[in-house]
Amino acid sequence: MLILIAGPYRSGTNDDPVLMRENLRRLEAVALPLFRKGHVPMIGEWVALPLLEQAGSKRPGDAAYEEILYPVAHRLLEKCDAVFRIEGLRRGRTRM
């Protein structure tokens, strides 16, 4: 199964890039165990972050960020077989 790993990325960070990277690492910590169980793990930021760089995003919440980050998650939801939600507060859109 293709499994979307969801959880806080920007939430609770006050847009601090170090804290955002820590949140991404928490998401990524789930990927290997899912892979070893025979699944293909996916994290929206794995797709969105390179696109944000290409689009010239300078900071969380800028126009490119809003254009790309959540739409990537929504498009992945259409393709993934399941969602694995990790614990944590989310400031972003929870409804998918």
PDB file of N, CA and C in Angstrom:
ATOM      1  N   MET A   1       0.828  -1.187   0.000  1.00  0.00           N
ATOM      2  CA  MET A   1       0.000   0.000   0.000  1.00  0.00           C
ATOM      3  C   MET A   1       0.871   1.248   0.000  1.00  0.00           C
ATOM      4  N   LEU A   2       0.395   2.265  -0.660  1.00  0.00           N
ATOM      5  CA  LEU A   2       1.020   3.591  -0.616  1.00  0.00           C
ATOM      6  C   LEU A   2       0.395   4.326   0.564  1.00  0.00           C
ATOM      7  N   ILE A   3       1.199   4.653   1.571  1.00  0.00           N
ATOM      8  CA  ILE A   3       0.680   5.236   2.809  1.00  0.00           C
ATOM      9  C   ILE A   3       1.233   6.640   3.016  1.00  0.00           C
ATOM     10  N   LEU A   4       0.319   7.598   3.113  1.00  0.00           N
ATOM     11  CA  LEU A   4       0.694   8.988   3.393  1.00  0.00           C
ATOM     12  C   LEU A   4       0.903   9.140   4.892  1.00  0.00           C
ATOM     13  N   ILE A   5       2.085   9.583   5.286  1.00  0.00           N
ATOM     14  CA  ILE A   5       2.392   9.853   6.686  1.00  0.00           C
ATOM     15  C   ILE A   5       2.067  11.321   6.931  1.00  0.00           C
ATOM     16  N   ALA A   6       1.139  11.562   7.839  1.00  0.00           N
ATOM     17  CA  ALA A   6       0.674  12.928   8.101  1.00  0.00           C
ATOM     18  C   ALA A   6       0.923  13.293   9.554  1.00  0.00           C
ATOM     19  N   GLY A   7       1.138  14.568   9.786  1.00  0.00           N
ATOM     20  CA  GLY A   7       1.338  15.075  11.136  1.00  0.00           C
ATOM     21  C   GLY A   7       1.861  16.488  11.064  1.00  0.00           C
ATOM     22  N   PRO A   8       2.204  17.053  12.205  1.00  0.00           N
ATOM     23  CA  PRO A   8       2.659  18.437  12.217  1.00  0.00           C
ATOM     24  C   PRO A   8       3.975  18.626  11.468  1.00  0.00           C
ATOM     25  N   TYR A   9       4.026  19.650  10.666  1.00  0.00           N
ATOM     26  CA  TYR A   9       5.272  20.070  10.027  1.00  0.00           C
ATOM     27  C   TYR A   9       5.575  21.496  10.476  1.00  0.00           C
ATOM     28  N   ARG A  10       4.697  22.401  10.178  1.00  0.00           N
ATOM     29  CA  ARG A  10       4.900  23.815  10.522  1.00  0.00           C
ATOM     30  C   ARG A  10       4.355  24.146  11.915  1.00  0.00           C
ATOM     31  N   SER A  11       3.362  23.405  12.349  1.00  0.00           N
ATOM     32  CA  SER A  11       2.669  23.678  13.610  1.00  0.00           C
ATOM     33  C   SER A  11       3.611  23.702  14.802  1.00  0.00           C
ATOM     34  N   GLY A  12       3.412  24.664  15.669  1.00  0.00           N
ATOM     35  CA  GLY A  12       4.176  24.760  16.890  1.00  0.00           C
ATOM     36  C   GLY A  12       5.615  25.203  16.716  1.00  0.00           C
ATOM     37  N   THR A  13       5.975  25.644  15.534  1.00  0.00           N
ATOM     38  CA  THR A  13       7.359  26.005  15.264  1.00  0.00           C
ATOM     39  C   THR A  13       7.598  27.511  15.207  1.00  0.00           C
ATOM     40  N   ASN A  14       6.533  28.300  15.110  1.00  0.00           N
ATOM     41  CA  ASN A  14       6.671  29.733  14.884  1.00  0.00           C
ATOM     42  C   ASN A  14       7.547  29.987  13.653  1.00  0.00           C
ATOM     43  N   ASP A  15       7.431  29.054  12.699  1.00  0.00           N
ATOM     44  CA  ASP A  15       8.175  29.086  11.431  1.00  0.00           C
ATOM     45  C   ASP A  15       9.691  29.024  11.605  1.00  0.00           C
ATOM     46  N   ASP A  16      10.146  28.473  12.718  1.00  0.00           N
ATOM     47  CA  ASP A  16      11.579  28.251  12.951  1.00  0.00           C
ATOM     48  C   ASP A  16      12.020  27.063  12.093  1.00  0.00           C
ATOM     49  N   PRO A  17      12.952  27.279  11.160  1.00  0.00           N
ATOM     50  CA  PRO A  17      13.352  26.204  10.256  1.00  0.00           C
ATOM     51  C   PRO A  17      13.949  24.987  10.972  1.00  0.00           C
ATOM     52  N   VAL A  18      14.612  25.206  12.086  1.00  0.00           N
ATOM     53  CA  VAL A  18      15.181  24.084  12.846  1.00  0.00           C
ATOM     54  C   VAL A  18      14.054  23.210  13.396  1.00  0.00           C
ATOM     55  N   LEU A  19      13.043  23.829  13.970  1.00  0.00           N
ATOM     56  CA  LEU A  19      11.913  23.079  14.508  1.00  0.00           C
ATOM     57  C   LEU A  19      11.110  22.401  13.406  1.00  0.00           C
ATOM     58  N   MET A  20      10.996  23.053  12.261  1.00  0.00           N
ATOM     59  CA  MET A  20      10.296  22.440  11.130  1.00  0.00           C
ATOM     60  C   MET A  20      11.047  21.199  10.656  1.00  0.00           C
ATOM     61  N   ARG A  21      12.380  21.269  10.617  1.00  0.00           N
ATOM     62  CA  ARG A  21      13.173  20.090  10.244  1.00  0.00           C
ATOM     63  C   ARG A  21      12.987  18.966  11.262  1.00  0.00           C
ATOM     64  N   GLU A  22      12.907  19.329  12.544  1.00  0.00           N
ATOM     65  CA  GLU A  22      12.667  18.319  13.577  1.00  0.00           C
ATOM     66  C   GLU A  22      11.313  17.641  13.376  1.00  0.00           C
ATOM     67  N   ASN A  23      10.297  18.417  13.038  1.00  0.00           N
ATOM     68  CA  ASN A  23       8.986  17.833  12.754  1.00  0.00           C
ATOM     69  C   ASN A  23       9.046  16.904  11.549  1.00  0.00           C
ATOM     70  N   LEU A  24       9.788  17.312  10.527  1.00  0.00           N
ATOM     71  CA  LEU A  24       9.937  16.451   9.352  1.00  0.00           C
ATOM     72  C   LEU A  24      10.638  15.149   9.735  1.00  0.00           C
ATOM     73  N   ARG A  25      11.626  15.235  10.574  1.00  0.00           N
ATOM     74  CA  ARG A  25      12.331  14.022  11.021  1.00  0.00           C
ATOM     75  C   ARG A  25      11.400  13.083  11.795  1.00  0.00           C
ATOM     76  N   ARG A  26      10.477  13.660  12.563  1.00  0.00           N
ATOM     77  CA  ARG A  26       9.485  12.836  13.266  1.00  0.00           C
ATOM     78  C   ARG A  26       8.593  12.108  12.266  1.00  0.00           C
ATOM     79  N   LEU A  27       8.201  12.801  11.217  1.00  0.00           N
ATOM     80  CA  LEU A  27       7.407  12.155  10.162  1.00  0.00           C
ATOM     81  C   LEU A  27       8.220  11.049   9.499  1.00  0.00           C
ATOM     82  N   GLU A  28       9.472  11.361   9.206  1.00  0.00           N
ATOM     83  CA  GLU A  28      10.326  10.403   8.504  1.00  0.00           C
ATOM     84  C   GLU A  28      10.649   9.169   9.351  1.00  0.00           C
ATOM     85  N   ALA A  29      10.635   9.301  10.665  1.00  0.00           N
ATOM     86  CA  ALA A  29      10.936   8.170  11.539  1.00  0.00           C
ATOM     87  C   ALA A  29       9.929   7.038  11.366  1.00  0.00           C
ATOM     88  N   VAL A  30       8.755   7.350  10.867  1.00  0.00           N
ATOM     89  CA  VAL A  30       7.716   6.338  10.651  1.00  0.00           C
ATOM     90  C   VAL A  30       7.902   5.629   9.304  1.00  0.00           C
ATOM     91  N   ALA A  31       8.620   6.251   8.386  1.00  0.00           N
ATOM     92  CA  ALA A  31       8.713   5.741   7.016  1.00  0.00           C
ATOM     93  C   ALA A  31       9.383   4.375   6.929  1.00  0.00           C
ATOM     94  N   LEU A  32      10.519   4.199   7.555  1.00  0.00           N
ATOM     95  CA  LEU A  32      11.241   2.926   7.442  1.00  0.00           C
ATOM     96  C   LEU A  32      10.448   1.755   8.014  1.00  0.00           C
ATOM     97  N   PRO A  33       9.849   1.883   9.203  1.00  0.00           N
ATOM     98  CA  PRO A  33       9.038   0.767   9.691  1.00  0.00           C
ATOM     99  C   PRO A  33       7.890   0.402   8.747  1.00  0.00           C
ATOM    100  N   LEU A  34       7.250   1.408   8.144  1.00  0.00           N
ATOM    101  CA  LEU A  34       6.186   1.109   7.178  1.00  0.00           C
ATOM    102  C   LEU A  34       6.745   0.400   5.952  1.00  0.00           C
ATOM    103  N   PHE A  35       7.886   0.861   5.480  1.00  0.00           N
ATOM    104  CA  PHE A  35       8.525   0.231   4.325  1.00  0.00           C
ATOM    105  C   PHE A  35       8.860  -1.231   4.629  1.00  0.00           C
ATOM    106  N   ARG A  36       9.393  -1.468   5.808  1.00  0.00           N
ATOM    107  CA  ARG A  36       9.777  -2.836   6.188  1.00  0.00           C
ATOM    108  C   ARG A  36       8.573  -3.757   6.345  1.00  0.00           C
ATOM    109  N   LYS A  37       7.399  -3.178   6.502  1.00  0.00           N
ATOM    110  CA  LYS A  37       6.170  -3.983   6.565  1.00  0.00           C
ATOM    111  C   LYS A  37       5.593  -4.221   5.170  1.00  0.00           C
ATOM    112  N   GLY A  38       6.304  -3.749   4.140  1.00  0.00           N
ATOM    113  CA  GLY A  38       5.881  -4.010   2.773  1.00  0.00           C
ATOM    114  C   GLY A  38       5.150  -2.878   2.090  1.00  0.00           C
ATOM    115  N   HIS A  39       5.102  -1.699   2.717  1.00  0.00           N
ATOM    116  CA  HIS A  39       4.377  -0.563   2.155  1.00  0.00           C
ATOM    117  C   HIS A  39       5.339   0.442   1.519  1.00  0.00           C
ATOM    118  N   VAL A  40       4.774   1.384   0.797  1.00  0.00           N
ATOM    119  CA  VAL A  40       5.553   2.497   0.257  1.00  0.00           C
ATOM    120  C   VAL A  40       5.120   3.746   1.018  1.00  0.00           C
ATOM    121  N   PRO A  41       5.993   4.259   1.893  1.00  0.00           N
ATOM    122  CA  PRO A  41       5.639   5.453   2.664  1.00  0.00           C
ATOM    123  C   PRO A  41       5.796   6.712   1.818  1.00  0.00           C
ATOM    124  N   MET A  42       4.942   7.695   2.098  1.00  0.00           N
ATOM    125  CA  MET A  42       5.005   8.977   1.399  1.00  0.00           C
ATOM    126  C   MET A  42       4.751  10.081   2.403  1.00  0.00           C
ATOM    127  N   ILE A  43       5.543  11.137   2.311  1.00  0.00           N
ATOM    128  CA  ILE A  43       5.361  12.333   3.130  1.00  0.00           C
ATOM    129  C   ILE A  43       5.210  13.505   2.169  1.00  0.00           C
ATOM    130  N   GLY A  44       4.172  14.286   2.366  1.00  0.00           N
ATOM    131  CA  GLY A  44       3.894  15.396   1.457  1.00  0.00           C
ATOM    132  C   GLY A  44       5.060  16.348   1.291  1.00  0.00           C
ATOM    133  N   GLU A  45       5.804  16.593   2.360  1.00  0.00           N
ATOM    134  CA  GLU A  45       6.941  17.513   2.279  1.00  0.00           C
ATOM    135  C   GLU A  45       8.047  16.976   1.374  1.00  0.00           C
ATOM    136  N   TRP A  46       8.136  15.650   1.213  1.00  0.00           N
ATOM    137  CA  TRP A  46       9.123  15.091   0.284  1.00  0.00           C
ATOM    138  C   TRP A  46       8.855  15.568  -1.141  1.00  0.00           C
ATOM    139  N   VAL A  47       7.604  15.815  -1.438  1.00  0.00           N
ATOM    140  CA  VAL A  47       7.223  16.317  -2.762  1.00  0.00           C
ATOM    141  C   VAL A  47       7.220  17.841  -2.759  1.00  0.00           C
ATOM    142  N   ALA A  48       6.644  18.427  -1.718  1.00  0.00           N
ATOM    143  CA  ALA A  48       6.420  19.874  -1.698  1.00  0.00           C
ATOM    144  C   ALA A  48       7.695  20.694  -1.545  1.00  0.00           C
ATOM    145  N   LEU A  49       8.622  20.263  -0.703  1.00  0.00           N
ATOM    146  CA  LEU A  49       9.802  21.093  -0.442  1.00  0.00           C
ATOM    147  C   LEU A  49      10.646  21.356  -1.691  1.00  0.00           C
ATOM    148  N   PRO A  50      10.939  20.358  -2.519  1.00  0.00           N
ATOM    149  CA  PRO A  50      11.678  20.674  -3.757  1.00  0.00           C
ATOM    150  C   PRO A  50      10.882  21.581  -4.701  1.00  0.00           C
ATOM    151  N   LEU A  51       9.552  21.402  -4.728  1.00  0.00           N
ATOM    152  CA  LEU A  51       8.724  22.270  -5.561  1.00  0.00           C
ATOM    153  C   LEU A  51       8.747  23.708  -5.042  1.00  0.00           C
ATOM    154  N   LEU A  52       8.703  23.864  -3.715  1.00  0.00           N
ATOM    155  CA  LEU A  52       8.775  25.199  -3.129  1.00  0.00           C
ATOM    156  C   LEU A  52      10.082  25.897  -3.496  1.00  0.00           C
ATOM    157  N   GLU A  53      11.154  25.146  -3.457  1.00  0.00           N
ATOM    158  CA  GLU A  53      12.452  25.720  -3.835  1.00  0.00           C
ATOM    159  C   GLU A  53      12.434  26.164  -5.295  1.00  0.00           C
ATOM    160  N   GLN A  54      11.908  25.321  -6.169  1.00  0.00           N
ATOM    161  CA  GLN A  54      11.838  25.665  -7.590  1.00  0.00           C
ATOM    162  C   GLN A  54      10.934  26.869  -7.840  1.00  0.00           C
ATOM    163  N   ALA A  55       9.883  26.999  -7.017  1.00  0.00           N
ATOM    164  CA  ALA A  55       8.934  28.102  -7.187  1.00  0.00           C
ATOM    165  C   ALA A  55       9.436  29.401  -6.570  1.00  0.00           C
ATOM    166  N   GLY A  56      10.578  29.349  -5.880  1.00  0.00           N
ATOM    167  CA  GLY A  56      11.152  30.561  -5.307  1.00  0.00           C
ATOM    168  C   GLY A  56      10.567  30.958  -3.964  1.00  0.00           C
ATOM    169  N   SER A  57       9.967  30.013  -3.251  1.00  0.00           N
ATOM    170  CA  SER A  57       9.424  30.319  -1.929  1.00  0.00           C
ATOM    171  C   SER A  57      10.552  30.801  -1.018  1.00  0.00           C
ATOM    172  N   LYS A  58      10.278  31.857  -0.284  1.00  0.00           N
ATOM    173  CA  LYS A  58      11.279  32.446   0.620  1.00  0.00           C
ATOM    174  C   LYS A  58      10.990  32.164   2.088  1.00  0.00           C
ATOM    175  N   ARG A  59       9.713  31.875   2.419  1.00  0.00           N
ATOM    176  CA  ARG A  59       9.347  31.640   3.819  1.00  0.00           C
ATOM    177  C   ARG A  59       7.999  30.924   3.869  1.00  0.00           C
ATOM    178  N   PRO A  60       7.764  30.201   4.962  1.00  0.00           N
ATOM    179  CA  PRO A  60       6.459  29.562   5.140  1.00  0.00           C
ATOM    180  C   PRO A  60       5.340  30.595   5.091  1.00  0.00           C
ATOM    181  N   GLY A  61       4.311  30.263   4.365  1.00  0.00           N
ATOM    182  CA  GLY A  61       3.156  31.148   4.269  1.00  0.00           C
ATOM    183  C   GLY A  61       3.188  32.127   3.111  1.00  0.00           C
ATOM    184  N   ASP A  62       4.308  32.194   2.371  1.00  0.00           N
ATOM    185  CA  ASP A  62       4.322  33.093   1.213  1.00  0.00           C
ATOM    186  C   ASP A  62       3.446  32.506   0.101  1.00  0.00           C
ATOM    187  N   ALA A  63       3.310  33.237  -0.990  1.00  0.00           N
ATOM    188  CA  ALA A  63       2.390  32.839  -2.055  1.00  0.00           C
ATOM    189  C   ALA A  63       2.727  31.455  -2.621  1.00  0.00           C
ATOM    190  N   ALA A  64       3.997  31.183  -2.864  1.00  0.00           N
ATOM    191  CA  ALA A  64       4.385  29.878  -3.408  1.00  0.00           C
ATOM    192  C   ALA A  64       4.069  28.767  -2.410  1.00  0.00           C
ATOM    193  N   TYR A  65       4.303  29.021  -1.147  1.00  0.00           N
ATOM    194  CA  TYR A  65       4.025  28.046  -0.092  1.00  0.00           C
ATOM    195  C   TYR A  65       2.547  27.677  -0.100  1.00  0.00           C
ATOM    196  N   GLU A  66       1.695  28.692  -0.132  1.00  0.00           N
ATOM    197  CA  GLU A  66       0.249  28.461  -0.140  1.00  0.00           C
ATOM    198  C   GLU A  66      -0.196  27.769  -1.430  1.00  0.00           C
ATOM    199  N   GLU A  67       0.455  28.085  -2.526  1.00  0.00           N
ATOM    200  CA  GLU A  67       0.116  27.464  -3.816  1.00  0.00           C
ATOM    201  C   GLU A  67       0.456  25.977  -3.827  1.00  0.00           C
ATOM    202  N   ILE A  68       1.499  25.581  -3.109  1.00  0.00           N
ATOM    203  CA  ILE A  68       2.051  24.237  -3.273  1.00  0.00           C
ATOM    204  C   ILE A  68       1.814  23.303  -2.090  1.00  0.00           C
ATOM    205  N   LEU A  69       2.081  23.729  -0.870  1.00  0.00           N
ATOM    206  CA  LEU A  69       2.154  22.785   0.251  1.00  0.00           C
ATOM    207  C   LEU A  69       0.871  21.984   0.454  1.00  0.00           C
ATOM    208  N   TYR A  70      -0.242  22.636   0.704  1.00  0.00           N
ATOM    209  CA  TYR A  70      -1.479  21.896   0.954  1.00  0.00           C
ATOM    210  C   TYR A  70      -2.040  21.239  -0.302  1.00  0.00           C
ATOM    211  N   PRO A  71      -1.960  21.867  -1.472  1.00  0.00           N
ATOM    212  CA  PRO A  71      -2.408  21.156  -2.666  1.00  0.00           C
ATOM    213  C   PRO A  71      -1.645  19.846  -2.908  1.00  0.00           C
ATOM    214  N   VAL A  72      -0.352  19.814  -2.582  1.00  0.00           N
ATOM    215  CA  VAL A  72       0.391  18.554  -2.705  1.00  0.00           C
ATOM    216  C   VAL A  72      -0.247  17.493  -1.818  1.00  0.00           C
ATOM    217  N   ALA A  73      -0.541  17.849  -0.569  1.00  0.00           N
ATOM    218  CA  ALA A  73      -1.160  16.892   0.350  1.00  0.00           C
ATOM    219  C   ALA A  73      -2.495  16.400  -0.185  1.00  0.00           C
ATOM    220  N   HIS A  74      -3.299  17.284  -0.697  1.00  0.00           N
ATOM    221  CA  HIS A  74      -4.605  16.884  -1.223  1.00  0.00           C
ATOM    222  C   HIS A  74      -4.458  15.977  -2.439  1.00  0.00           C
ATOM    223  N   ARG A  75      -3.518  16.255  -3.307  1.00  0.00           N
ATOM    224  CA  ARG A  75      -3.306  15.390  -4.478  1.00  0.00           C
ATOM    225  C   ARG A  75      -2.793  14.024  -4.061  1.00  0.00           C
ATOM    226  N   LEU A  76      -1.912  13.999  -3.071  1.00  0.00           N
ATOM    227  CA  LEU A  76      -1.422  12.708  -2.572  1.00  0.00           C
ATOM    228  C   LEU A  76      -2.546  11.895  -1.944  1.00  0.00           C
ATOM    229  N   LEU A  77      -3.455  12.556  -1.255  1.00  0.00           N
ATOM    230  CA  LEU A  77      -4.585  11.848  -0.655  1.00  0.00           C
ATOM    231  C   LEU A  77      -5.403  11.101  -1.711  1.00  0.00           C
ATOM    232  N   GLU A  78      -5.495  11.670  -2.895  1.00  0.00           N
ATOM    233  CA  GLU A  78      -6.235  11.011  -3.973  1.00  0.00           C
ATOM    234  C   GLU A  78      -5.524   9.753  -4.462  1.00  0.00           C
ATOM    235  N   LYS A  79      -4.219   9.671  -4.269  1.00  0.00           N
ATOM    236  CA  LYS A  79      -3.417   8.562  -4.780  1.00  0.00           C
ATOM    237  C   LYS A  79      -3.087   7.505  -3.726  1.00  0.00           C
ATOM    238  N   CYS A  80      -3.049   7.902  -2.463  1.00  0.00           N
ATOM    239  CA  CYS A  80      -2.616   6.994  -1.403  1.00  0.00           C
ATOM    240  C   CYS A  80      -3.750   6.059  -0.987  1.00  0.00           C
ATOM    241  N   ASP A  81      -3.350   4.890  -0.532  1.00  0.00           N
ATOM    242  CA  ASP A  81      -4.312   3.889  -0.086  1.00  0.00           C
ATOM    243  C   ASP A  81      -4.715   4.097   1.372  1.00  0.00           C
ATOM    244  N   ALA A  82      -3.870   4.749   2.144  1.00  0.00           N
ATOM    245  CA  ALA A  82      -4.130   4.944   3.569  1.00  0.00           C
ATOM    246  C   ALA A  82      -3.355   6.148   4.065  1.00  0.00           C
ATOM    247  N   VAL A  83      -3.752   6.633   5.246  1.00  0.00           N
ATOM    248  CA  VAL A  83      -3.060   7.728   5.911  1.00  0.00           C
ATOM    249  C   VAL A  83      -2.648   7.242   7.293  1.00  0.00           C
ATOM    250  N   PHE A  84      -1.379   7.464   7.642  1.00  0.00           N
ATOM    251  CA  PHE A  84      -0.867   7.169   8.973  1.00  0.00           C
ATOM    252  C   PHE A  84      -0.621   8.505   9.632  1.00  0.00           C
ATOM    253  N   ARG A  85      -1.427   8.835  10.635  1.00  0.00           N
ATOM    254  CA  ARG A  85      -1.357  10.143  11.297  1.00  0.00           C
ATOM    255  C   ARG A  85      -0.544  10.012  12.579  1.00  0.00           C
ATOM    256  N   ILE A  86       0.553  10.776  12.680  1.00  0.00           N
ATOM    257  CA  ILE A  86       1.336  10.751  13.908  1.00  0.00           C
ATOM    258  C   ILE A  86       0.788  11.798  14.872  1.00  0.00           C
ATOM    259  N   GLU A  87       1.134  11.643  16.141  1.00  0.00           N
ATOM    260  CA  GLU A  87       0.672  12.547  17.185  1.00  0.00           C
ATOM    261  C   GLU A  87       1.252  13.940  17.011  1.00  0.00           C
ATOM    262  N   GLY A  88       0.538  14.914  17.537  1.00  0.00           N
ATOM    263  CA  GLY A  88       1.048  16.275  17.565  1.00  0.00           C
ATOM    264  C   GLY A  88      -0.017  17.274  17.178  1.00  0.00           C
ATOM    265  N   LEU A  89       0.174  18.491  17.644  1.00  0.00           N
ATOM    266  CA  LEU A  89      -0.750  19.565  17.309  1.00  0.00           C
ATOM    267  C   LEU A  89      -0.517  20.023  15.886  1.00  0.00           C
ATOM    268  N   ARG A  90      -1.601  20.405  15.232  1.00  0.00           N
ATOM    269  CA  ARG A  90      -1.499  20.919  13.876  1.00  0.00           C
ATOM    270  C   ARG A  90      -2.153  22.278  13.801  1.00  0.00           C
ATOM    271  N   ARG A  91      -1.452  23.202  13.211  1.00  0.00           N
ATOM    272  CA  ARG A  91      -2.030  24.513  12.962  1.00  0.00           C
ATOM    273  C   ARG A  91      -2.637  24.531  11.563  1.00  0.00           C
ATOM    274  N   GLY A  92      -2.139  23.678  10.702  1.00  0.00           N
ATOM    275  CA  GLY A  92      -2.586  23.640   9.317  1.00  0.00           C
ATOM    276  C   GLY A  92      -3.938  22.975   9.173  1.00  0.00           C
ATOM    277  N   ARG A  93      -4.280  22.681   7.977  1.00  0.00           N
ATOM    278  CA  ARG A  93      -5.560  22.069   7.683  1.00  0.00           C
ATOM    279  C   ARG A  93      -5.562  20.626   8.128  1.00  0.00           C
ATOM    280  N   THR A  94      -6.505  20.291   8.961  1.00  0.00           N
ATOM    281  CA  THR A  94      -6.611  18.922   9.459  1.00  0.00           C
ATOM    282  C   THR A  94      -7.583  18.137   8.595  1.00  0.00           C
ATOM    283  N   ARG A  95      -8.565  18.805   8.080  1.00  0.00           N
ATOM    284  CA  ARG A  95      -9.577  18.162   7.242  1.00  0.00           C
ATOM    285  C   ARG A  95      -8.977  17.886   5.886  1.00  0.00           C
ATOM    286  N   MET A  96      -9.089  16.644   5.422  1.00  0.00           N
ATOM    287  CA  MET A  96      -8.536  16.313   4.111  1.00  0.00           C
ATOM    288  C   MET A  96      -9.543  15.567   3.284  1.00  0.00           C
TER     289      MET A  96
END
